[in-house]
Amino acid sequence: MNTLGINYYKPLNCPANPASNLNRLSPIGDLLLRGWVAYAFWISGLLKLRNWDSTLYLFEYEYAVPFLPPEIAALMATAIELCGTVLLAVGLFGRGAAVLLFLFNIVAVISYPELGAAGIEQHKVWGVMLMVCALHGPGKCSIDAWLKQGCFAAAD
């Protein structure tokens, strides 16, 4: 400090903890993460639904889904990709939806041995994203958070 009482070493208008600004953006990051991975699975589910004959063919001759008949496996995969992604994207039962899609992602990699290196890397990225969603939860920009705030606020 000098004789005028001005501290030259402290920036003006800067919060004491710069991480607090990042913390305020965390819900947006959670929403973007959920939306990004949900979009990938949503598109896959739509493709399965739009080309059902091709989907049945793939599940019968290409994908080696264990323990299930091809028709049931195709129906379950399409339902998981369409319903699970909606739940994940809006953050309703967010952790459960993330775990469901995480396990589905593992089954998809195991069931399709001809996936290739680029496909495996993409599934790894999706797996990490889904793991973060499952461990961290859907965040404040979610229906889960809204329900928790509305339903359980009176109980506190």
N, C-alpha and C. Protein backbone atom coordinates (compact mmCIF):
# COMPACT_ATOMS: atom_id res chain seq x y z
N MET A 1 0.83 -1.17 0.00
CA MET A 1 0.00 0.00 0.00
C MET A 1 0.88 1.23 0.00
N ASN A 2 0.42 2.24 -0.70
CA ASN A 2 1.20 3.47 -0.74
C ASN A 2 0.58 4.50 0.22
N THR A 3 1.07 5.74 0.18
CA THR A 3 0.60 6.78 1.10
C THR A 3 -0.83 7.22 0.82
N LEU A 4 -1.37 6.96 -0.38
CA LEU A 4 -2.75 7.33 -0.69
C LEU A 4 -3.76 6.26 -0.24
N GLY A 5 -3.26 5.14 0.27
CA GLY A 5 -4.16 4.09 0.74
C GLY A 5 -4.68 3.18 -0.37
N ILE A 6 -4.01 3.15 -1.51
CA ILE A 6 -4.45 2.30 -2.62
C ILE A 6 -3.59 1.05 -2.64
N ASN A 7 -4.25 -0.06 -2.70
CA ASN A 7 -3.56 -1.35 -2.78
C ASN A 7 -3.41 -1.71 -4.25
N TYR A 8 -2.18 -1.64 -4.76
CA TYR A 8 -1.91 -1.93 -6.15
C TYR A 8 -1.86 -3.42 -6.47
N TYR A 9 -1.82 -4.23 -5.47
CA TYR A 9 -1.65 -5.66 -5.68
C TYR A 9 -2.97 -6.42 -5.75
N LYS A 10 -4.08 -5.79 -5.44
CA LYS A 10 -5.37 -6.45 -5.48
C LYS A 10 -6.18 -5.89 -6.65
N PRO A 11 -6.64 -6.75 -7.57
CA PRO A 11 -7.45 -6.27 -8.69
C PRO A 11 -8.77 -5.68 -8.19
N LEU A 12 -9.23 -4.66 -8.86
CA LEU A 12 -10.50 -4.03 -8.49
C LEU A 12 -11.67 -4.88 -8.98
N ASN A 13 -12.76 -4.87 -8.24
CA ASN A 13 -14.01 -5.55 -8.59
C ASN A 13 -13.83 -7.03 -8.90
N CYS A 14 -12.95 -7.66 -8.18
CA CYS A 14 -12.71 -9.08 -8.38
C CYS A 14 -13.16 -9.81 -7.12
N PRO A 15 -13.96 -10.85 -7.26
CA PRO A 15 -14.41 -11.55 -6.05
C PRO A 15 -13.23 -12.19 -5.32
N ALA A 16 -13.42 -12.38 -4.03
CA ALA A 16 -12.36 -12.98 -3.23
C ALA A 16 -12.05 -14.39 -3.70
N ASN A 17 -13.07 -15.10 -4.18
CA ASN A 17 -12.89 -16.47 -4.65
C ASN A 17 -13.34 -16.55 -6.10
N PRO A 18 -12.42 -16.52 -7.07
CA PRO A 18 -12.81 -16.57 -8.49
C PRO A 18 -13.57 -17.83 -8.88
N ALA A 19 -13.39 -18.90 -8.12
CA ALA A 19 -14.10 -20.14 -8.43
C ALA A 19 -15.60 -20.00 -8.22
N SER A 20 -16.03 -19.01 -7.44
CA SER A 20 -17.46 -18.84 -7.22
C SER A 20 -18.19 -18.49 -8.51
N ASN A 21 -17.52 -17.79 -9.42
CA ASN A 21 -18.13 -17.51 -10.73
C ASN A 21 -18.33 -18.80 -11.51
N LEU A 22 -17.35 -19.69 -11.45
CA LEU A 22 -17.47 -20.97 -12.14
C LEU A 22 -18.56 -21.83 -11.50
N ASN A 23 -18.69 -21.76 -10.19
CA ASN A 23 -19.73 -22.52 -9.50
C ASN A 23 -21.12 -22.10 -9.96
N ARG A 24 -21.28 -20.82 -10.26
CA ARG A 24 -22.58 -20.35 -10.75
C ARG A 24 -22.90 -20.90 -12.13
N LEU A 25 -21.88 -21.23 -12.90
CA LEU A 25 -22.09 -21.78 -14.23
C LEU A 25 -22.22 -23.30 -14.24
N SER A 26 -21.97 -23.93 -13.12
CA SER A 26 -22.02 -25.39 -13.02
C SER A 26 -23.35 -25.99 -13.48
N PRO A 27 -24.51 -25.43 -13.11
CA PRO A 27 -25.76 -26.03 -13.60
C PRO A 27 -25.89 -26.01 -15.12
N ILE A 28 -25.36 -24.97 -15.76
CA ILE A 28 -25.40 -24.92 -17.22
C ILE A 28 -24.50 -26.01 -17.81
N GLY A 29 -23.35 -26.21 -17.19
CA GLY A 29 -22.45 -27.29 -17.63
C GLY A 29 -23.09 -28.65 -17.48
N ASP A 30 -23.78 -28.87 -16.36
CA ASP A 30 -24.49 -30.14 -16.16
C ASP A 30 -25.54 -30.35 -17.26
N LEU A 31 -26.29 -29.30 -17.55
CA LEU A 31 -27.33 -29.38 -18.58
C LEU A 31 -26.72 -29.67 -19.96
N LEU A 32 -25.63 -29.00 -20.29
CA LEU A 32 -24.97 -29.23 -21.58
C LEU A 32 -24.42 -30.66 -21.68
N LEU A 33 -23.84 -31.15 -20.61
CA LEU A 33 -23.30 -32.50 -20.60
C LEU A 33 -24.42 -33.52 -20.80
N ARG A 34 -25.51 -33.36 -20.04
CA ARG A 34 -26.64 -34.28 -20.20
C ARG A 34 -27.22 -34.20 -21.60
N GLY A 35 -27.37 -33.00 -22.11
CA GLY A 35 -27.95 -32.81 -23.43
C GLY A 35 -27.08 -33.39 -24.53
N TRP A 36 -25.78 -33.23 -24.42
CA TRP A 36 -24.85 -33.71 -25.45
C TRP A 36 -24.92 -35.22 -25.59
N VAL A 37 -24.81 -35.92 -24.47
CA VAL A 37 -24.81 -37.38 -24.53
C VAL A 37 -26.21 -37.91 -24.83
N ALA A 38 -27.24 -37.25 -24.34
CA ALA A 38 -28.60 -37.68 -24.64
C ALA A 38 -28.90 -37.55 -26.13
N TYR A 39 -28.40 -36.50 -26.75
CA TYR A 39 -28.62 -36.29 -28.18
C TYR A 39 -28.07 -37.45 -29.01
N ALA A 40 -26.88 -37.92 -28.66
CA ALA A 40 -26.25 -39.02 -29.41
C ALA A 40 -27.11 -40.28 -29.34
N PHE A 41 -27.59 -40.61 -28.15
CA PHE A 41 -28.41 -41.81 -28.01
C PHE A 41 -29.81 -41.60 -28.60
N TRP A 42 -30.35 -40.39 -28.53
CA TRP A 42 -31.66 -40.07 -29.09
C TRP A 42 -31.64 -40.31 -30.62
N ILE A 43 -30.61 -39.80 -31.28
CA ILE A 43 -30.51 -39.97 -32.74
C ILE A 43 -30.43 -41.46 -33.09
N SER A 44 -29.68 -42.22 -32.33
CA SER A 44 -29.57 -43.65 -32.57
C SER A 44 -30.92 -44.33 -32.40
N GLY A 45 -31.66 -43.96 -31.37
CA GLY A 45 -32.99 -44.54 -31.16
C GLY A 45 -33.96 -44.18 -32.28
N LEU A 46 -33.90 -42.93 -32.75
CA LEU A 46 -34.77 -42.52 -33.86
C LEU A 46 -34.46 -43.29 -35.13
N LEU A 47 -33.16 -43.51 -35.40
CA LEU A 47 -32.78 -44.28 -36.58
C LEU A 47 -33.30 -45.71 -36.49
N LYS A 48 -33.22 -46.30 -35.31
CA LYS A 48 -33.75 -47.65 -35.13
C LYS A 48 -35.25 -47.67 -35.40
N LEU A 49 -35.95 -46.69 -34.88
CA LEU A 49 -37.40 -46.64 -35.02
C LEU A 49 -37.82 -46.38 -36.47
N ARG A 50 -37.15 -45.50 -37.15
CA ARG A 50 -37.50 -45.14 -38.53
C ARG A 50 -37.21 -46.27 -39.53
N ASN A 51 -36.21 -47.06 -39.24
CA ASN A 51 -35.82 -48.16 -40.14
C ASN A 51 -35.95 -49.49 -39.40
N TRP A 52 -37.17 -49.80 -39.01
CA TRP A 52 -37.38 -50.95 -38.12
C TRP A 52 -36.95 -52.27 -38.77
N ASP A 53 -37.21 -52.43 -40.06
CA ASP A 53 -36.78 -53.67 -40.73
C ASP A 53 -35.26 -53.81 -40.70
N SER A 54 -34.56 -52.73 -40.93
CA SER A 54 -33.09 -52.76 -40.85
C SER A 54 -32.63 -53.03 -39.43
N THR A 55 -33.34 -52.45 -38.47
CA THR A 55 -32.99 -52.67 -37.06
C THR A 55 -33.13 -54.14 -36.71
N LEU A 56 -34.24 -54.74 -37.11
CA LEU A 56 -34.44 -56.17 -36.83
C LEU A 56 -33.37 -57.02 -37.50
N TYR A 57 -33.01 -56.66 -38.74
CA TYR A 57 -31.95 -57.38 -39.45
C TYR A 57 -30.63 -57.29 -38.68
N LEU A 58 -30.29 -56.07 -38.26
CA LEU A 58 -29.03 -55.89 -37.53
C LEU A 58 -29.01 -56.68 -36.23
N PHE A 59 -30.11 -56.66 -35.51
CA PHE A 59 -30.14 -57.39 -34.24
C PHE A 59 -30.15 -58.90 -34.44
N GLU A 60 -30.60 -59.34 -35.61
CA GLU A 60 -30.60 -60.78 -35.88
C GLU A 60 -29.26 -61.28 -36.39
N TYR A 61 -28.59 -60.48 -37.25
CA TYR A 61 -27.40 -60.98 -37.93
C TYR A 61 -26.09 -60.27 -37.56
N GLU A 62 -26.13 -59.06 -37.04
CA GLU A 62 -24.91 -58.31 -36.76
C GLU A 62 -24.59 -58.23 -35.27
N TYR A 63 -25.57 -57.85 -34.48
CA TYR A 63 -25.33 -57.64 -33.05
C TYR A 63 -25.47 -58.97 -32.32
N ALA A 64 -24.55 -59.24 -31.45
CA ALA A 64 -24.57 -60.48 -30.67
C ALA A 64 -25.07 -60.19 -29.26
N VAL A 65 -26.32 -59.80 -29.14
CA VAL A 65 -26.89 -59.50 -27.83
C VAL A 65 -27.12 -60.81 -27.09
N PRO A 66 -26.52 -60.96 -25.91
CA PRO A 66 -26.66 -62.23 -25.19
C PRO A 66 -28.03 -62.37 -24.53
N PHE A 67 -28.52 -63.59 -24.44
CA PHE A 67 -29.69 -63.99 -23.66
C PHE A 67 -31.05 -63.52 -24.20
N LEU A 68 -31.11 -62.73 -25.26
CA LEU A 68 -32.38 -62.20 -25.72
C LEU A 68 -32.62 -62.53 -27.19
N PRO A 69 -33.88 -62.79 -27.54
CA PRO A 69 -34.20 -62.92 -28.96
C PRO A 69 -34.00 -61.57 -29.66
N PRO A 70 -33.66 -61.57 -30.94
CA PRO A 70 -33.37 -60.31 -31.64
C PRO A 70 -34.51 -59.29 -31.59
N GLU A 71 -35.75 -59.74 -31.69
CA GLU A 71 -36.89 -58.82 -31.68
C GLU A 71 -37.01 -58.10 -30.34
N ILE A 72 -36.85 -58.86 -29.26
CA ILE A 72 -36.92 -58.27 -27.92
C ILE A 72 -35.75 -57.33 -27.68
N ALA A 73 -34.56 -57.74 -28.10
CA ALA A 73 -33.37 -56.90 -27.94
C ALA A 73 -33.53 -55.59 -28.70
N ALA A 74 -34.05 -55.65 -29.93
CA ALA A 74 -34.25 -54.44 -30.73
C ALA A 74 -35.27 -53.51 -30.07
N LEU A 75 -36.35 -54.09 -29.59
CA LEU A 75 -37.38 -53.29 -28.93
C LEU A 75 -36.84 -52.64 -27.65
N MET A 76 -36.12 -53.40 -26.85
CA MET A 76 -35.55 -52.86 -25.61
C MET A 76 -34.52 -51.78 -25.90
N ALA A 77 -33.66 -52.01 -26.88
CA ALA A 77 -32.63 -51.03 -27.20
C ALA A 77 -33.26 -49.71 -27.66
N THR A 78 -34.28 -49.81 -28.51
CA THR A 78 -34.95 -48.61 -29.00
C THR A 78 -35.64 -47.88 -27.85
N ALA A 79 -36.31 -48.61 -26.98
CA ALA A 79 -37.01 -47.99 -25.85
C ALA A 79 -36.02 -47.32 -24.89
N ILE A 80 -34.90 -47.98 -24.63
CA ILE A 80 -33.90 -47.40 -23.73
C ILE A 80 -33.33 -46.13 -24.34
N GLU A 81 -33.02 -46.18 -25.62
CA GLU A 81 -32.42 -45.00 -26.27
C GLU A 81 -33.40 -43.84 -26.35
N LEU A 82 -34.67 -44.10 -26.56
CA LEU A 82 -35.64 -43.01 -26.67
C LEU A 82 -36.11 -42.51 -25.30
N CYS A 83 -36.47 -43.42 -24.42
CA CYS A 83 -37.00 -43.01 -23.11
C CYS A 83 -35.88 -42.57 -22.16
N GLY A 84 -34.79 -43.33 -22.14
CA GLY A 84 -33.68 -42.98 -21.24
C GLY A 84 -33.08 -41.62 -21.55
N THR A 85 -33.00 -41.29 -22.83
CA THR A 85 -32.42 -40.00 -23.20
C THR A 85 -33.31 -38.83 -22.81
N VAL A 86 -34.62 -39.01 -22.92
CA VAL A 86 -35.54 -37.94 -22.51
C VAL A 86 -35.40 -37.70 -21.01
N LEU A 87 -35.38 -38.80 -20.24
CA LEU A 87 -35.23 -38.66 -18.79
C LEU A 87 -33.91 -37.99 -18.43
N LEU A 88 -32.84 -38.39 -19.12
CA LEU A 88 -31.53 -37.79 -18.85
C LEU A 88 -31.52 -36.31 -19.22
N ALA A 89 -32.04 -35.99 -20.39
CA ALA A 89 -31.97 -34.61 -20.88
C ALA A 89 -32.73 -33.64 -19.97
N VAL A 90 -33.90 -34.04 -19.50
CA VAL A 90 -34.68 -33.13 -18.64
C VAL A 90 -34.31 -33.27 -17.18
N GLY A 91 -33.51 -34.29 -16.85
CA GLY A 91 -33.06 -34.45 -15.48
C GLY A 91 -34.12 -35.03 -14.56
N LEU A 92 -34.96 -35.91 -15.09
CA LEU A 92 -35.94 -36.61 -14.27
C LEU A 92 -35.41 -38.03 -14.03
N PHE A 93 -35.25 -38.39 -12.76
CA PHE A 93 -34.55 -39.63 -12.41
C PHE A 93 -33.19 -39.64 -13.10
N GLY A 94 -32.50 -38.51 -13.01
CA GLY A 94 -31.28 -38.28 -13.77
C GLY A 94 -30.19 -39.30 -13.54
N ARG A 95 -29.94 -39.64 -12.29
CA ARG A 95 -28.88 -40.62 -12.01
C ARG A 95 -29.26 -41.99 -12.53
N GLY A 96 -30.50 -42.38 -12.34
CA GLY A 96 -30.97 -43.67 -12.84
C GLY A 96 -30.88 -43.75 -14.36
N ALA A 97 -31.30 -42.68 -15.03
CA ALA A 97 -31.22 -42.65 -16.49
C ALA A 97 -29.77 -42.73 -16.96
N ALA A 98 -28.87 -42.05 -16.27
CA ALA A 98 -27.45 -42.09 -16.64
C ALA A 98 -26.88 -43.49 -16.45
N VAL A 99 -27.23 -44.15 -15.35
CA VAL A 99 -26.76 -45.52 -15.11
C VAL A 99 -27.33 -46.47 -16.16
N LEU A 100 -28.61 -46.32 -16.48
CA LEU A 100 -29.23 -47.16 -17.50
C LEU A 100 -28.52 -47.02 -18.84
N LEU A 101 -28.28 -45.79 -19.26
CA LEU A 101 -27.60 -45.56 -20.54
C LEU A 101 -26.13 -45.99 -20.48
N PHE A 102 -25.50 -45.85 -19.32
CA PHE A 102 -24.12 -46.31 -19.15
C PHE A 102 -24.03 -47.82 -19.37
N LEU A 103 -24.94 -48.56 -18.74
CA LEU A 103 -24.95 -50.02 -18.90
C LEU A 103 -25.32 -50.41 -20.33
N PHE A 104 -26.27 -49.69 -20.91
CA PHE A 104 -26.64 -49.93 -22.31
C PHE A 104 -25.44 -49.70 -23.23
N ASN A 105 -24.67 -48.68 -22.96
CA ASN A 105 -23.48 -48.36 -23.74
C ASN A 105 -22.48 -49.52 -23.68
N ILE A 106 -22.30 -50.10 -22.51
CA ILE A 106 -21.39 -51.24 -22.36
C ILE A 106 -21.89 -52.43 -23.17
N VAL A 107 -23.19 -52.71 -23.08
CA VAL A 107 -23.77 -53.83 -23.83
C VAL A 107 -23.61 -53.60 -25.33
N ALA A 108 -23.78 -52.36 -25.77
CA ALA A 108 -23.65 -52.04 -27.19
C ALA A 108 -22.24 -52.33 -27.69
N VAL A 109 -21.24 -51.99 -26.89
CA VAL A 109 -19.85 -52.24 -27.31
C VAL A 109 -19.56 -53.74 -27.32
N ILE A 110 -20.04 -54.45 -26.33
CA ILE A 110 -19.80 -55.89 -26.25
C ILE A 110 -20.53 -56.63 -27.37
N SER A 111 -21.73 -56.16 -27.71
CA SER A 111 -22.58 -56.87 -28.67
C SER A 111 -22.19 -56.66 -30.12
N TYR A 112 -21.37 -55.69 -30.39
CA TYR A 112 -21.01 -55.42 -31.78
C TYR A 112 -19.50 -55.47 -31.94
N PRO A 113 -18.96 -56.66 -32.20
CA PRO A 113 -17.51 -56.82 -32.26
C PRO A 113 -16.85 -56.08 -33.43
N GLU A 114 -17.61 -55.73 -34.46
CA GLU A 114 -17.07 -55.05 -35.64
C GLU A 114 -17.10 -53.52 -35.49
N LEU A 115 -17.18 -53.02 -34.28
CA LEU A 115 -17.37 -51.59 -34.04
C LEU A 115 -16.22 -50.75 -34.59
N GLY A 116 -15.01 -51.16 -34.42
CA GLY A 116 -13.87 -50.40 -34.92
C GLY A 116 -13.32 -49.46 -33.85
N ALA A 117 -12.11 -49.01 -34.07
CA ALA A 117 -11.41 -48.18 -33.09
C ALA A 117 -12.11 -46.85 -32.84
N ALA A 118 -12.55 -46.18 -33.91
CA ALA A 118 -13.20 -44.88 -33.74
C ALA A 118 -14.52 -45.02 -32.98
N GLY A 119 -15.26 -46.07 -33.27
CA GLY A 119 -16.51 -46.31 -32.56
C GLY A 119 -16.29 -46.61 -31.10
N ILE A 120 -15.27 -47.38 -30.80
CA ILE A 120 -14.96 -47.70 -29.40
C ILE A 120 -14.57 -46.43 -28.65
N GLU A 121 -13.77 -45.59 -29.28
CA GLU A 121 -13.39 -44.32 -28.62
C GLU A 121 -14.61 -43.45 -28.36
N GLN A 122 -15.54 -43.39 -29.31
CA GLN A 122 -16.75 -42.60 -29.11
C GLN A 122 -17.57 -43.15 -27.95
N HIS A 123 -17.68 -44.46 -27.87
CA HIS A 123 -18.42 -45.08 -26.77
C HIS A 123 -17.72 -44.84 -25.43
N LYS A 124 -16.40 -44.79 -25.44
CA LYS A 124 -15.67 -44.46 -24.20
C LYS A 124 -16.01 -43.05 -23.74
N VAL A 125 -16.05 -42.10 -24.67
CA VAL A 125 -16.39 -40.72 -24.32
C VAL A 125 -17.80 -40.67 -23.75
N TRP A 126 -18.73 -41.32 -24.42
CA TRP A 126 -20.10 -41.33 -23.91
C TRP A 126 -20.16 -41.99 -22.53
N GLY A 127 -19.38 -43.07 -22.35
CA GLY A 127 -19.36 -43.74 -21.05
C GLY A 127 -18.86 -42.84 -19.94
N VAL A 128 -17.81 -42.07 -20.21
CA VAL A 128 -17.29 -41.14 -19.20
C VAL A 128 -18.32 -40.05 -18.91
N MET A 129 -18.95 -39.53 -19.96
CA MET A 129 -19.96 -38.50 -19.76
C MET A 129 -21.13 -39.03 -18.92
N LEU A 130 -21.56 -40.24 -19.21
CA LEU A 130 -22.66 -40.83 -18.45
C LEU A 130 -22.23 -41.14 -17.01
N MET A 131 -20.98 -41.53 -16.82
CA MET A 131 -20.50 -41.78 -15.47
C MET A 131 -20.49 -40.49 -14.65
N VAL A 132 -20.09 -39.39 -15.26
CA VAL A 132 -20.11 -38.10 -14.57
C VAL A 132 -21.54 -37.74 -14.19
N CYS A 133 -22.47 -37.94 -15.12
CA CYS A 133 -23.88 -37.65 -14.82
C CYS A 133 -24.39 -38.52 -13.68
N ALA A 134 -24.00 -39.79 -13.67
CA ALA A 134 -24.46 -40.69 -12.62
C ALA A 134 -23.85 -40.35 -11.27
N LEU A 135 -22.57 -40.01 -11.24
CA LEU A 135 -21.90 -39.72 -9.97
C LEU A 135 -22.22 -38.33 -9.44
N HIS A 136 -22.36 -37.38 -10.34
CA HIS A 136 -22.58 -35.99 -9.95
C HIS A 136 -24.06 -35.66 -9.78
N GLY A 137 -24.90 -36.36 -10.49
CA GLY A 137 -26.33 -36.06 -10.49
C GLY A 137 -26.66 -35.06 -11.57
N PRO A 138 -27.95 -34.82 -11.79
CA PRO A 138 -28.35 -33.96 -12.91
C PRO A 138 -28.11 -32.47 -12.69
N GLY A 139 -27.88 -32.05 -11.47
CA GLY A 139 -27.60 -30.64 -11.22
C GLY A 139 -28.86 -29.81 -10.98
N LYS A 140 -28.66 -28.50 -10.87
CA LYS A 140 -29.76 -27.59 -10.52
C LYS A 140 -30.72 -27.32 -11.66
N CYS A 141 -30.27 -27.46 -12.91
CA CYS A 141 -31.15 -27.25 -14.08
C CYS A 141 -31.77 -28.58 -14.46
N SER A 142 -32.59 -29.13 -13.57
CA SER A 142 -33.20 -30.43 -13.83
C SER A 142 -34.55 -30.51 -13.13
N ILE A 143 -35.36 -31.42 -13.59
CA ILE A 143 -36.64 -31.64 -12.93
C ILE A 143 -36.42 -32.23 -11.54
N ASP A 144 -35.40 -33.08 -11.41
CA ASP A 144 -35.08 -33.64 -10.08
C ASP A 144 -34.84 -32.52 -9.06
N ALA A 145 -34.05 -31.53 -9.43
CA ALA A 145 -33.76 -30.42 -8.51
C ALA A 145 -35.01 -29.61 -8.23
N TRP A 146 -35.82 -29.38 -9.25
CA TRP A 146 -37.07 -28.64 -9.07
C TRP A 146 -38.01 -29.39 -8.13
N LEU A 147 -38.13 -30.71 -8.30
CA LEU A 147 -38.99 -31.51 -7.43
C LEU A 147 -38.45 -31.52 -6.01
N LYS A 148 -37.13 -31.65 -5.88
CA LYS A 148 -36.53 -31.64 -4.55
C LYS A 148 -36.77 -30.33 -3.85
N GLN A 149 -36.64 -29.24 -4.57
CA GLN A 149 -36.86 -27.91 -4.00
C GLN A 149 -38.33 -27.72 -3.62
N GLY A 150 -39.24 -28.14 -4.49
CA GLY A 150 -40.65 -27.95 -4.24
C GLY A 150 -41.25 -28.91 -3.25
N CYS A 151 -40.89 -30.19 -3.37
CA CYS A 151 -41.50 -31.22 -2.53
C CYS A 151 -40.88 -31.33 -1.15
N PHE A 152 -39.59 -31.14 -1.07
CA PHE A 152 -38.90 -31.38 0.19
C PHE A 152 -38.51 -30.11 0.92
N ALA A 153 -38.77 -28.95 0.35
CA ALA A 153 -38.44 -27.70 1.02
C ALA A 153 -39.32 -27.49 2.25
N ALA A 154 -40.57 -27.91 2.17
CA ALA A 154 -41.48 -27.76 3.31
C ALA A 154 -41.11 -28.68 4.45
N ALA A 155 -40.47 -29.80 4.15
CA ALA A 155 -40.10 -30.77 5.19
C ALA A 155 -38.86 -30.30 5.97
N ASP A 156 -38.08 -29.38 5.43
CA ASP A 156 -36.86 -28.93 6.13
C ASP A 156 -37.13 -28.01 7.24
